[in-house]
Amino acid sequence: MTDDPDPTPHQPKPPTREERRQMKSAARLYAVQALFQMEASGQTRQVVRREFETHRFGAIYEGEEMAEGDPDLFAKTLEDAVTWQAKIDQMTDRALVAKWPIHRIDPTLRALFRAAGAELVAGDAPPKVVISEYVDVARAFFPEGKEPKFVNAVLDHMAREAKPEAF
């Protein structure tokens, strides 16, 4: 017998607003990594999704704990990126200068544009939030480079095309 007067099992506390925001940010970073992996390896969305949700979300690598990602946003972003890839790639091409079609840009940036494009085309987050979040993802991958400014410009163009009413 326990001294606990409440015999019901304790439910974990729901995440705070800040924790939910961090989980969404992590899901976006993981979505870019997953899309990159899908392109590089030829693995299906389902295989990569399972791997990330099972082995990456909250995993510990070399003593560092990976962030817990929002599984719903992660799954929806992957699904929408695959479903809408042709439309997203065309939007990205229009946002890039003519000399740099999407197939010529860095594969990490291509994955980033596809993940962000999925949210711009089929997501619920305001375009300015999507742009800000994916510029932060670009900073994570390219901390010393000019890529975050490039990402900002391309995503701004894509957002104005996908959701002109938001501007």
N, C-alpha and C. Protein backbone atom coordinates (compact mmCIF):
# COMPACT_ATOMS: atom_id res chain seq x y z
N MET A 1 0.85 -1.18 0.00
CA MET A 1 0.00 0.00 0.00
C MET A 1 0.89 1.24 0.00
N THR A 2 0.48 2.24 -0.74
CA THR A 2 1.28 3.47 -0.82
C THR A 2 0.66 4.54 0.04
N ASP A 3 1.46 5.54 0.31
CA ASP A 3 0.97 6.69 1.08
C ASP A 3 0.26 7.69 0.18
N ASP A 4 0.28 7.47 -1.10
CA ASP A 4 -0.31 8.40 -2.05
C ASP A 4 -1.83 8.32 -1.94
N PRO A 5 -2.50 9.43 -1.54
CA PRO A 5 -3.95 9.40 -1.38
C PRO A 5 -4.69 9.30 -2.72
N ASP A 6 -4.03 9.60 -3.82
CA ASP A 6 -4.66 9.56 -5.13
C ASP A 6 -4.27 8.25 -5.82
N PRO A 7 -5.20 7.28 -5.90
CA PRO A 7 -4.84 5.99 -6.49
C PRO A 7 -4.75 6.01 -8.02
N THR A 8 -5.18 7.09 -8.66
CA THR A 8 -5.11 7.13 -10.12
C THR A 8 -3.68 7.40 -10.56
N PRO A 9 -3.26 6.79 -11.66
CA PRO A 9 -1.89 7.03 -12.13
C PRO A 9 -1.74 8.49 -12.56
N HIS A 10 -0.56 9.01 -12.34
CA HIS A 10 -0.30 10.40 -12.69
C HIS A 10 -0.12 10.54 -14.20
N GLN A 11 -0.83 11.48 -14.76
CA GLN A 11 -0.69 11.78 -16.18
C GLN A 11 0.47 12.75 -16.34
N PRO A 12 1.27 12.59 -17.39
CA PRO A 12 2.32 13.57 -17.59
C PRO A 12 1.70 14.92 -17.89
N LYS A 13 2.37 15.96 -17.45
CA LYS A 13 1.86 17.31 -17.70
C LYS A 13 1.92 17.60 -19.20
N PRO A 14 0.88 18.26 -19.71
CA PRO A 14 0.96 18.63 -21.13
C PRO A 14 2.07 19.67 -21.32
N PRO A 15 2.66 19.69 -22.51
CA PRO A 15 3.76 20.64 -22.72
C PRO A 15 3.28 22.09 -22.60
N THR A 16 4.16 22.93 -22.11
CA THR A 16 3.84 24.36 -22.02
C THR A 16 3.82 24.95 -23.43
N ARG A 17 3.37 26.17 -23.54
CA ARG A 17 3.34 26.85 -24.84
C ARG A 17 4.74 26.94 -25.45
N GLU A 18 5.73 27.25 -24.62
CA GLU A 18 7.12 27.34 -25.11
C GLU A 18 7.64 25.97 -25.54
N GLU A 19 7.30 24.93 -24.78
CA GLU A 19 7.72 23.58 -25.16
C GLU A 19 7.07 23.16 -26.48
N ARG A 20 5.80 23.51 -26.69
CA ARG A 20 5.13 23.20 -27.96
C ARG A 20 5.81 23.93 -29.11
N ARG A 21 6.19 25.19 -28.89
CA ARG A 21 6.87 25.97 -29.93
C ARG A 21 8.22 25.31 -30.27
N GLN A 22 8.95 24.90 -29.23
CA GLN A 22 10.24 24.23 -29.46
C GLN A 22 10.06 22.91 -30.19
N MET A 23 9.00 22.18 -29.88
CA MET A 23 8.74 20.91 -30.56
C MET A 23 8.42 21.14 -32.04
N LYS A 24 7.71 22.22 -32.34
CA LYS A 24 7.40 22.54 -33.75
C LYS A 24 8.68 22.93 -34.48
N SER A 25 9.52 23.71 -33.83
CA SER A 25 10.80 24.09 -34.45
C SER A 25 11.65 22.85 -34.73
N ALA A 26 11.70 21.95 -33.75
CA ALA A 26 12.47 20.71 -33.93
C ALA A 26 11.87 19.87 -35.07
N ALA A 27 10.54 19.80 -35.14
CA ALA A 27 9.89 19.03 -36.20
C ALA A 27 10.27 19.59 -37.58
N ARG A 28 10.38 20.90 -37.68
CA ARG A 28 10.76 21.51 -38.96
C ARG A 28 12.20 21.15 -39.33
N LEU A 29 13.10 21.21 -38.37
CA LEU A 29 14.48 20.82 -38.62
C LEU A 29 14.55 19.35 -39.03
N TYR A 30 13.84 18.49 -38.31
CA TYR A 30 13.83 17.07 -38.63
C TYR A 30 13.22 16.82 -40.02
N ALA A 31 12.19 17.59 -40.38
CA ALA A 31 11.57 17.42 -41.69
C ALA A 31 12.57 17.72 -42.80
N VAL A 32 13.37 18.76 -42.63
CA VAL A 32 14.39 19.08 -43.63
C VAL A 32 15.40 17.93 -43.71
N GLN A 33 15.84 17.44 -42.56
CA GLN A 33 16.79 16.32 -42.55
C GLN A 33 16.17 15.08 -43.21
N ALA A 34 14.92 14.81 -42.92
CA ALA A 34 14.25 13.63 -43.47
C ALA A 34 14.09 13.75 -44.99
N LEU A 35 13.70 14.92 -45.47
CA LEU A 35 13.56 15.11 -46.92
C LEU A 35 14.91 14.98 -47.62
N PHE A 36 15.95 15.50 -46.98
CA PHE A 36 17.31 15.35 -47.52
C PHE A 36 17.65 13.87 -47.61
N GLN A 37 17.39 13.14 -46.52
CA GLN A 37 17.70 11.70 -46.47
C GLN A 37 16.91 10.94 -47.52
N MET A 38 15.64 11.28 -47.71
CA MET A 38 14.82 10.60 -48.71
C MET A 38 15.41 10.79 -50.11
N GLU A 39 15.83 12.02 -50.41
CA GLU A 39 16.41 12.28 -51.73
C GLU A 39 17.75 11.57 -51.90
N ALA A 40 18.58 11.62 -50.87
CA ALA A 40 19.93 11.05 -50.96
C ALA A 40 19.91 9.52 -51.02
N SER A 41 18.98 8.91 -50.28
CA SER A 41 18.99 7.45 -50.16
C SER A 41 17.93 6.74 -51.00
N GLY A 42 16.94 7.49 -51.47
CA GLY A 42 15.85 6.87 -52.20
C GLY A 42 14.86 6.14 -51.30
N GLN A 43 14.97 6.32 -49.99
CA GLN A 43 14.04 5.68 -49.06
C GLN A 43 12.66 6.34 -49.14
N THR A 44 11.63 5.59 -48.80
CA THR A 44 10.28 6.12 -48.83
C THR A 44 10.02 7.03 -47.63
N ARG A 45 8.98 7.83 -47.77
CA ARG A 45 8.57 8.73 -46.69
C ARG A 45 8.26 7.92 -45.43
N GLN A 46 7.57 6.78 -45.58
CA GLN A 46 7.18 5.99 -44.41
C GLN A 46 8.40 5.44 -43.67
N VAL A 47 9.39 4.96 -44.40
CA VAL A 47 10.61 4.41 -43.78
C VAL A 47 11.35 5.50 -43.02
N VAL A 48 11.53 6.63 -43.66
CA VAL A 48 12.27 7.73 -43.03
C VAL A 48 11.49 8.28 -41.85
N ARG A 49 10.19 8.43 -41.99
CA ARG A 49 9.37 8.93 -40.88
C ARG A 49 9.51 8.04 -39.65
N ARG A 50 9.38 6.72 -39.86
CA ARG A 50 9.52 5.78 -38.73
C ARG A 50 10.88 5.90 -38.08
N GLU A 51 11.93 5.99 -38.91
CA GLU A 51 13.29 6.10 -38.36
C GLU A 51 13.42 7.34 -37.48
N PHE A 52 12.95 8.47 -37.98
CA PHE A 52 13.07 9.71 -37.21
C PHE A 52 12.26 9.65 -35.93
N GLU A 53 11.02 9.20 -36.02
CA GLU A 53 10.17 9.18 -34.83
C GLU A 53 10.66 8.17 -33.80
N THR A 54 11.27 7.08 -34.26
CA THR A 54 11.74 6.04 -33.36
C THR A 54 13.14 6.32 -32.82
N HIS A 55 14.03 6.80 -33.69
CA HIS A 55 15.45 6.88 -33.32
C HIS A 55 16.02 8.28 -33.17
N ARG A 56 15.30 9.31 -33.59
CA ARG A 56 15.88 10.65 -33.51
C ARG A 56 15.19 11.55 -32.51
N PHE A 57 13.85 11.57 -32.52
CA PHE A 57 13.13 12.44 -31.60
C PHE A 57 13.54 12.09 -30.17
N GLY A 58 14.15 13.04 -29.46
CA GLY A 58 14.52 12.83 -28.07
C GLY A 58 15.67 11.87 -27.82
N ALA A 59 16.32 11.40 -28.88
CA ALA A 59 17.44 10.45 -28.73
C ALA A 59 18.67 11.15 -28.14
N ILE A 60 19.57 10.38 -27.62
CA ILE A 60 20.81 10.93 -27.06
C ILE A 60 21.98 10.43 -27.91
N TYR A 61 22.72 11.37 -28.47
CA TYR A 61 23.90 11.07 -29.29
C TYR A 61 25.11 11.73 -28.65
N GLU A 62 26.10 10.92 -28.34
CA GLU A 62 27.34 11.42 -27.75
C GLU A 62 27.07 12.36 -26.58
N GLY A 63 26.13 11.96 -25.73
CA GLY A 63 25.82 12.73 -24.54
C GLY A 63 24.89 13.91 -24.77
N GLU A 64 24.55 14.20 -26.01
CA GLU A 64 23.66 15.32 -26.33
C GLU A 64 22.26 14.79 -26.61
N GLU A 65 21.28 15.34 -25.92
CA GLU A 65 19.90 14.91 -26.16
C GLU A 65 19.31 15.70 -27.31
N MET A 66 18.75 14.98 -28.28
CA MET A 66 18.09 15.62 -29.41
C MET A 66 16.73 16.13 -28.93
N ALA A 67 16.27 17.20 -29.54
CA ALA A 67 14.98 17.76 -29.15
C ALA A 67 13.85 16.80 -29.49
N GLU A 68 12.81 16.89 -28.73
CA GLU A 68 11.60 16.13 -29.02
C GLU A 68 10.82 16.93 -30.07
N GLY A 69 10.51 16.30 -31.18
CA GLY A 69 9.79 16.99 -32.25
C GLY A 69 8.29 16.77 -32.14
N ASP A 70 7.53 17.67 -32.72
CA ASP A 70 6.08 17.53 -32.80
C ASP A 70 5.78 16.50 -33.88
N PRO A 71 5.36 15.29 -33.51
CA PRO A 71 5.19 14.23 -34.52
C PRO A 71 4.13 14.55 -35.55
N ASP A 72 3.08 15.28 -35.17
CA ASP A 72 2.02 15.59 -36.12
C ASP A 72 2.51 16.57 -37.19
N LEU A 73 3.22 17.62 -36.76
CA LEU A 73 3.74 18.59 -37.73
C LEU A 73 4.79 17.93 -38.61
N PHE A 74 5.64 17.10 -38.02
CA PHE A 74 6.67 16.39 -38.78
C PHE A 74 6.02 15.53 -39.87
N ALA A 75 5.05 14.71 -39.49
CA ALA A 75 4.39 13.81 -40.44
C ALA A 75 3.65 14.59 -41.52
N LYS A 76 2.94 15.64 -41.13
CA LYS A 76 2.18 16.44 -42.11
C LYS A 76 3.13 17.13 -43.08
N THR A 77 4.24 17.65 -42.58
CA THR A 77 5.19 18.34 -43.46
C THR A 77 5.78 17.36 -44.47
N LEU A 78 6.16 16.17 -44.02
CA LEU A 78 6.68 15.17 -44.96
C LEU A 78 5.63 14.79 -45.99
N GLU A 79 4.43 14.49 -45.53
CA GLU A 79 3.33 14.09 -46.41
C GLU A 79 3.06 15.18 -47.45
N ASP A 80 2.93 16.42 -46.98
CA ASP A 80 2.61 17.53 -47.89
C ASP A 80 3.77 17.83 -48.84
N ALA A 81 5.00 17.70 -48.36
CA ALA A 81 6.15 17.94 -49.23
C ALA A 81 6.19 16.95 -50.39
N VAL A 82 5.83 15.70 -50.11
CA VAL A 82 5.80 14.69 -51.16
C VAL A 82 4.60 14.92 -52.08
N THR A 83 3.44 15.13 -51.47
CA THR A 83 2.21 15.32 -52.24
C THR A 83 2.30 16.53 -53.17
N TRP A 84 2.84 17.62 -52.67
CA TRP A 84 2.88 18.89 -53.40
C TRP A 84 4.24 19.20 -53.99
N GLN A 85 5.14 18.21 -54.09
CA GLN A 85 6.52 18.48 -54.51
C GLN A 85 6.61 19.21 -55.85
N ALA A 86 5.86 18.80 -56.86
CA ALA A 86 5.95 19.45 -58.17
C ALA A 86 5.56 20.92 -58.06
N LYS A 87 4.47 21.20 -57.37
CA LYS A 87 4.02 22.60 -57.20
C LYS A 87 5.06 23.40 -56.41
N ILE A 88 5.57 22.80 -55.34
CA ILE A 88 6.56 23.49 -54.50
C ILE A 88 7.83 23.76 -55.29
N ASP A 89 8.30 22.77 -56.05
CA ASP A 89 9.51 22.96 -56.85
C ASP A 89 9.30 24.06 -57.90
N GLN A 90 8.12 24.11 -58.51
CA GLN A 90 7.84 25.17 -59.49
C GLN A 90 7.83 26.54 -58.82
N MET A 91 7.24 26.63 -57.63
CA MET A 91 7.25 27.89 -56.88
C MET A 91 8.69 28.30 -56.56
N THR A 92 9.49 27.32 -56.14
CA THR A 92 10.88 27.60 -55.80
C THR A 92 11.64 28.07 -57.03
N ASP A 93 11.43 27.38 -58.16
CA ASP A 93 12.08 27.80 -59.41
C ASP A 93 11.75 29.25 -59.76
N ARG A 94 10.49 29.62 -59.60
CA ARG A 94 10.09 31.00 -59.93
C ARG A 94 10.73 32.01 -58.98
N ALA A 95 11.03 31.57 -57.74
CA ALA A 95 11.64 32.47 -56.76
C ALA A 95 13.15 32.58 -56.94
N LEU A 96 13.74 31.61 -57.63
CA LEU A 96 15.19 31.62 -57.87
C LEU A 96 15.50 32.37 -59.16
N VAL A 97 16.70 32.85 -59.28
CA VAL A 97 17.09 33.46 -60.54
C VAL A 97 17.12 32.38 -61.61
N ALA A 98 16.93 32.75 -62.84
CA ALA A 98 16.82 31.79 -63.94
C ALA A 98 18.02 30.86 -64.04
N LYS A 99 19.19 31.34 -63.65
CA LYS A 99 20.40 30.52 -63.76
C LYS A 99 20.48 29.42 -62.70
N TRP A 100 19.61 29.47 -61.72
CA TRP A 100 19.70 28.51 -60.62
C TRP A 100 18.40 27.77 -60.41
N PRO A 101 18.02 26.88 -61.32
CA PRO A 101 16.82 26.07 -61.07
C PRO A 101 17.05 25.17 -59.86
N ILE A 102 15.96 24.73 -59.27
CA ILE A 102 16.03 24.00 -58.00
C ILE A 102 16.97 22.80 -58.05
N HIS A 103 17.06 22.12 -59.18
CA HIS A 103 17.92 20.93 -59.23
C HIS A 103 19.41 21.28 -59.15
N ARG A 104 19.76 22.56 -59.28
CA ARG A 104 21.17 22.97 -59.20
C ARG A 104 21.57 23.50 -57.83
N ILE A 105 20.63 23.69 -56.93
CA ILE A 105 21.00 24.24 -55.63
C ILE A 105 21.38 23.12 -54.66
N ASP A 106 22.00 23.51 -53.57
CA ASP A 106 22.45 22.59 -52.52
C ASP A 106 21.28 21.70 -52.08
N PRO A 107 21.52 20.38 -51.94
CA PRO A 107 20.41 19.49 -51.57
C PRO A 107 19.80 19.80 -50.21
N THR A 108 20.57 20.37 -49.29
CA THR A 108 20.00 20.76 -48.00
C THR A 108 19.01 21.89 -48.19
N LEU A 109 19.38 22.86 -49.02
CA LEU A 109 18.46 23.97 -49.30
C LEU A 109 17.23 23.48 -50.06
N ARG A 110 17.42 22.55 -50.96
CA ARG A 110 16.28 22.00 -51.70
C ARG A 110 15.30 21.35 -50.72
N ALA A 111 15.82 20.57 -49.77
CA ALA A 111 14.96 19.94 -48.76
C ALA A 111 14.27 21.00 -47.90
N LEU A 112 15.00 22.05 -47.56
CA LEU A 112 14.43 23.13 -46.76
C LEU A 112 13.30 23.82 -47.52
N PHE A 113 13.51 24.12 -48.80
CA PHE A 113 12.46 24.78 -49.58
C PHE A 113 11.24 23.88 -49.72
N ARG A 114 11.45 22.58 -49.82
CA ARG A 114 10.32 21.66 -49.94
C ARG A 114 9.53 21.58 -48.63
N ALA A 115 10.22 21.53 -47.50
CA ALA A 115 9.54 21.49 -46.21
C ALA A 115 8.77 22.80 -45.98
N ALA A 116 9.44 23.92 -46.20
CA ALA A 116 8.79 25.22 -46.01
C ALA A 116 7.64 25.38 -47.00
N GLY A 117 7.88 24.96 -48.24
CA GLY A 117 6.83 25.05 -49.26
C GLY A 117 5.61 24.23 -48.88
N ALA A 118 5.83 23.07 -48.27
CA ALA A 118 4.71 22.24 -47.82
C ALA A 118 3.85 23.00 -46.82
N GLU A 119 4.50 23.71 -45.91
CA GLU A 119 3.74 24.49 -44.93
C GLU A 119 3.06 25.69 -45.57
N LEU A 120 3.72 26.31 -46.54
CA LEU A 120 3.12 27.46 -47.21
C LEU A 120 1.92 27.05 -48.06
N VAL A 121 2.01 25.90 -48.70
CA VAL A 121 0.93 25.44 -49.57
C VAL A 121 -0.22 24.83 -48.78
N ALA A 122 0.10 24.01 -47.78
CA ALA A 122 -0.95 23.22 -47.13
C ALA A 122 -0.98 23.33 -45.61
N GLY A 123 -0.16 24.19 -45.03
CA GLY A 123 -0.09 24.28 -43.57
C GLY A 123 -0.98 25.35 -42.99
N ASP A 124 -1.01 25.38 -41.67
CA ASP A 124 -1.86 26.33 -40.94
C ASP A 124 -1.09 27.53 -40.39
N ALA A 125 0.22 27.41 -40.27
CA ALA A 125 1.00 28.49 -39.66
C ALA A 125 1.02 29.71 -40.59
N PRO A 126 1.00 30.90 -40.02
CA PRO A 126 1.10 32.11 -40.85
C PRO A 126 2.41 32.11 -41.64
N PRO A 127 2.39 32.60 -42.88
CA PRO A 127 3.60 32.59 -43.71
C PRO A 127 4.81 33.25 -43.05
N LYS A 128 4.60 34.32 -42.31
CA LYS A 128 5.74 34.99 -41.67
C LYS A 128 6.38 34.10 -40.61
N VAL A 129 5.58 33.28 -39.94
CA VAL A 129 6.11 32.32 -38.96
C VAL A 129 6.91 31.25 -39.70
N VAL A 130 6.36 30.74 -40.79
CA VAL A 130 7.04 29.71 -41.58
C VAL A 130 8.39 30.24 -42.07
N ILE A 131 8.39 31.45 -42.62
CA ILE A 131 9.65 32.04 -43.11
C ILE A 131 10.66 32.15 -41.98
N SER A 132 10.25 32.71 -40.86
CA SER A 132 11.16 32.89 -39.72
C SER A 132 11.71 31.56 -39.23
N GLU A 133 10.85 30.57 -39.11
CA GLU A 133 11.28 29.26 -38.62
C GLU A 133 12.31 28.62 -39.57
N TYR A 134 12.07 28.69 -40.87
CA TYR A 134 12.98 28.04 -41.81
C TYR A 134 14.25 28.85 -42.04
N VAL A 135 14.22 30.15 -41.81
CA VAL A 135 15.47 30.92 -41.81
C VAL A 135 16.32 30.46 -40.63
N ASP A 136 15.68 30.19 -39.49
CA ASP A 136 16.42 29.64 -38.33
C ASP A 136 17.01 28.27 -38.64
N VAL A 137 16.25 27.44 -39.37
CA VAL A 137 16.77 26.12 -39.78
C VAL A 137 18.00 26.33 -40.68
N ALA A 138 17.91 27.27 -41.60
CA ALA A 138 19.05 27.56 -42.49
C ALA A 138 20.27 27.99 -41.66
N ARG A 139 20.05 28.79 -40.62
CA ARG A 139 21.16 29.20 -39.74
C ARG A 139 21.79 28.00 -39.05
N ALA A 140 20.96 27.01 -38.69
CA ALA A 140 21.48 25.81 -38.03
C ALA A 140 22.39 25.03 -38.98
N PHE A 141 22.03 24.96 -40.26
CA PHE A 141 22.82 24.22 -41.23
C PHE A 141 23.99 25.03 -41.79
N PHE A 142 23.82 26.35 -41.86
CA PHE A 142 24.83 27.22 -42.48
C PHE A 142 25.11 28.41 -41.56
N PRO A 143 25.71 28.16 -40.38
CA PRO A 143 25.88 29.23 -39.40
C PRO A 143 26.78 30.38 -39.86
N GLU A 144 27.69 30.13 -40.76
CA GLU A 144 28.62 31.18 -41.18
C GLU A 144 28.30 31.75 -42.56
N GLY A 145 27.33 31.18 -43.26
CA GLY A 145 27.12 31.52 -44.65
C GLY A 145 26.06 32.58 -44.90
N LYS A 146 25.85 32.84 -46.17
CA LYS A 146 24.85 33.80 -46.62
C LYS A 146 23.51 33.11 -46.89
N GLU A 147 23.47 31.80 -46.72
CA GLU A 147 22.27 31.03 -47.02
C GLU A 147 21.02 31.51 -46.28
N PRO A 148 21.10 31.89 -44.99
CA PRO A 148 19.86 32.34 -44.33
C PRO A 148 19.21 33.54 -45.03
N LYS A 149 20.01 34.48 -45.51
CA LYS A 149 19.43 35.63 -46.23
C LYS A 149 18.82 35.18 -47.55
N PHE A 150 19.49 34.26 -48.23
CA PHE A 150 18.99 33.71 -49.48
C PHE A 150 17.67 32.99 -49.23
N VAL A 151 17.62 32.17 -48.18
CA VAL A 151 16.41 31.44 -47.81
C VAL A 151 15.28 32.42 -47.52
N ASN A 152 15.57 33.48 -46.79
CA ASN A 152 14.56 34.48 -46.46
C ASN A 152 13.96 35.07 -47.74
N ALA A 153 14.80 35.44 -48.69
CA ALA A 153 14.32 36.05 -49.93
C ALA A 153 13.48 35.07 -50.75
N VAL A 154 13.95 33.83 -50.88
CA VAL A 154 13.22 32.84 -51.67
C VAL A 154 11.88 32.50 -51.01
N LEU A 155 11.89 32.30 -49.70
CA LEU A 155 10.64 31.94 -49.01
C LEU A 155 9.66 33.10 -49.01
N ASP A 156 10.14 34.34 -48.94
CA ASP A 156 9.25 35.49 -49.02
C ASP A 156 8.52 35.48 -50.37
N HIS A 157 9.25 35.23 -51.44
CA HIS A 157 8.66 35.16 -52.78
C HIS A 157 7.64 34.02 -52.85
N MET A 158 8.02 32.85 -52.33
CA MET A 158 7.12 31.69 -52.36
C MET A 158 5.86 31.95 -51.53
N ALA A 159 6.02 32.59 -50.37
CA ALA A 159 4.87 32.85 -49.50
C ALA A 159 3.90 33.83 -50.15
N ARG A 160 4.43 34.83 -50.83
CA ARG A 160 3.56 35.80 -51.51
C ARG A 160 2.78 35.14 -52.64
N GLU A 161 3.38 34.12 -53.26
CA GLU A 161 2.67 33.38 -54.30
C GLU A 161 1.64 32.43 -53.68
N ALA A 162 2.02 31.70 -52.63
CA ALA A 162 1.15 30.69 -52.04
C ALA A 162 -0.01 31.30 -51.26
N LYS A 163 0.27 32.38 -50.51
CA LYS A 163 -0.76 32.98 -49.66
C LYS A 163 -0.71 34.51 -49.75
N PRO A 164 -1.05 35.06 -50.93
CA PRO A 164 -0.95 36.51 -51.11
C PRO A 164 -1.82 37.30 -50.14
N GLU A 165 -2.91 36.69 -49.67
CA GLU A 165 -3.80 37.39 -48.75
C GLU A 165 -3.15 37.68 -47.40
N ALA A 166 -2.04 37.01 -47.10
CA ALA A 166 -1.37 37.21 -45.81
C ALA A 166 -0.44 38.42 -45.83
N PHE A 167 -0.31 39.06 -46.99
CA PHE A 167 0.63 40.18 -47.10
C PHE A 167 -0.08 41.48 -47.43
